[in-house]
Protein backbone atom coordinates (compact mmCIF):
# COMPACT_ATOMS: atom_id res chain seq x y z
CA MET A 1 0.27 0.36 0.44
CA PHE A 2 2.96 2.46 0.50
CA GLY A 3 3.12 5.12 -2.41
CA ARG A 4 -0.42 3.91 -3.55
CA LYS A 5 -2.47 6.91 -4.72
CA PRO A 6 -6.09 7.16 -3.90
CA SER A 7 -8.81 7.70 -6.32
CA SER A 8 -9.01 11.38 -5.36
CA ASN A 9 -5.25 12.23 -6.28
CA SER A 10 -4.67 14.57 -3.66
CA ALA A 11 -1.87 12.69 -0.92
CA THR A 12 -0.45 9.48 -0.56
CA ASP A 13 -2.42 6.64 1.39
CA LEU A 14 0.55 4.92 3.97
CA ASP A 15 -0.39 1.45 6.69
CA PRO A 16 0.30 2.55 9.52
CA ASN A 17 3.50 0.74 9.66
CA SER A 18 4.68 3.01 6.43
CA ALA A 19 3.86 5.74 8.40
CA PHE A 20 5.60 4.76 11.06
CA GLU A 21 8.69 4.81 8.94
CA MET A 22 8.24 7.85 7.79
CA ILE A 23 7.90 9.47 11.55
CA LEU A 24 11.14 8.09 12.73
CA LYS A 25 12.97 9.40 9.10
CA ASN A 26 11.43 12.65 9.71
CA LYS A 27 11.69 13.39 13.95
CA GLN A 28 14.61 15.91 13.28
CA ASN A 29 12.91 17.27 10.09
CA PRO A 30 11.22 21.17 10.56
CA GLU A 31 9.78 20.65 6.98
CA PHE A 32 8.03 17.73 8.20
CA ILE A 33 4.35 17.71 10.43
CA LEU A 34 2.45 14.75 12.36
CA LEU A 35 -1.58 15.68 12.14
CA ASP A 36 -4.20 14.18 14.29
CA VAL A 37 -7.41 15.30 12.37
CA ARG A 38 -9.52 13.39 15.65
CA THR A 39 -10.95 15.03 17.62
CA LEU A 40 -9.37 17.23 20.80
CA GLY A 41 -11.14 14.74 23.76
CA GLU A 42 -10.32 11.67 21.27
CA TYR A 43 -6.71 13.11 21.17
CA ASN A 44 -6.74 13.45 24.39
CA GLN A 45 -7.64 9.81 25.02
CA SER A 46 -4.55 8.90 22.99
CA HIS A 47 -2.38 10.19 20.35
CA ILE A 48 0.86 10.01 17.64
CA GLU A 49 3.67 11.72 20.07
CA ASP A 50 4.93 14.65 18.33
CA SER A 51 1.23 15.19 15.90
CA ILE A 52 -0.13 18.54 16.14
CA GLN A 53 -4.72 18.40 16.74
CA ILE A 54 -6.99 19.86 14.75
CA ASP A 55 -9.72 19.22 14.62
CA TYR A 56 -11.97 19.11 11.49
CA GLN A 57 -15.72 18.50 12.39
CA SER A 58 -15.14 21.97 13.32
CA ARG A 59 -16.64 24.71 12.32
CA ASP A 60 -12.75 27.07 11.41
CA PHE A 61 -11.22 24.04 10.32
CA GLU A 62 -10.14 24.70 6.23
CA LYS A 63 -8.91 28.24 8.20
CA LYS A 64 -6.53 26.76 10.56
CA VAL A 65 -5.53 24.36 8.00
CA GLN A 66 -4.94 27.39 6.11
CA GLU A 67 -2.54 28.88 8.93
CA LEU A 68 -0.25 25.71 8.19
CA ASP A 69 2.73 25.84 6.32
CA LYS A 70 1.82 24.82 2.72
CA SER A 71 5.77 23.94 2.19
CA LYS A 72 5.84 22.05 4.25
CA THR A 73 4.98 17.58 4.23
CA TYR A 74 1.89 16.37 6.10
CA LEU A 75 1.48 13.00 7.58
CA VAL A 76 -2.23 13.07 8.42
CA TYR A 77 -3.67 10.44 10.84
CA CYS A 78 -7.65 9.92 12.36
CA ARG A 79 -9.42 6.76 14.23
CA SER A 80 -9.96 5.08 11.05
CA GLY A 81 -8.58 6.53 8.55
CA MET A 82 -11.99 8.76 6.35
CA ARG A 83 -11.55 11.97 8.42
CA SER A 84 -7.84 11.99 7.55
CA GLY A 85 -8.69 11.61 3.37
CA ALA A 86 -11.39 14.33 3.68
CA SER A 87 -8.70 17.26 5.22
CA VAL A 88 -5.90 15.52 2.95
CA ASP A 89 -8.40 16.42 -0.16
CA ILE A 90 -9.20 19.92 1.89
CA MET A 91 -5.56 20.37 1.82
CA SER A 92 -4.58 20.03 -1.41
CA LYS A 93 -7.60 22.12 -2.14
CA LEU A 94 -5.73 24.62 -0.89
CA GLY A 95 -2.17 24.27 -2.53
CA PHE A 96 -1.07 21.51 -0.48
CA LYS A 97 1.55 20.08 -2.40
CA ASN A 98 3.13 16.85 -0.24
CA LEU A 99 0.29 14.91 1.33
CA TYR A 100 -0.53 11.65 3.04
CA ASN A 101 -2.29 9.91 4.45
CA MET A 102 -2.26 7.68 6.52
CA ALA A 103 -4.78 4.62 5.88
CA GLY A 104 -6.67 3.19 9.30
CA GLY A 105 -5.71 5.59 12.05
CA ILE A 106 -5.15 5.37 15.02
CA MET A 107 -7.32 2.03 15.30
CA GLY A 108 -4.56 0.07 12.18
CA TRP A 109 -2.25 1.76 13.96
CA GLU A 110 -2.78 -0.04 17.26
CA ASN A 111 -3.67 -2.78 15.96
CA CYS A 112 0.11 -2.87 14.54
CA GLY A 113 1.46 -2.58 18.01
CA LEU A 114 2.57 1.27 17.60
CA SER A 115 2.91 3.11 20.84
CA VAL A 116 0.45 5.56 21.31
CA GLU A 117 0.78 8.32 24.43
């Protein structure tokens, strides 16, 4: 699944293990952002280390995303992959170029035995 473009062509889908590898490779890279698009409540229950949170379901999601640096690389995740897929579609339309969607979301991440905070 690594490197597969979804039908919308707005982002590359990564399975959780490929996403983990990408996160490790970019641990010290300020141009790489791990974006959690779940609600604050979901984020506070558990999240991937060093991720930032912007709620896809909030009214001002698009406004908050527009404030992000479009030149950076974003790996986006949610609970199962649905909200992150919709988020990268929006981000692509706003001019973001380097987008990755973690297919399966944090549920897939945890099912692979990967750690959360």
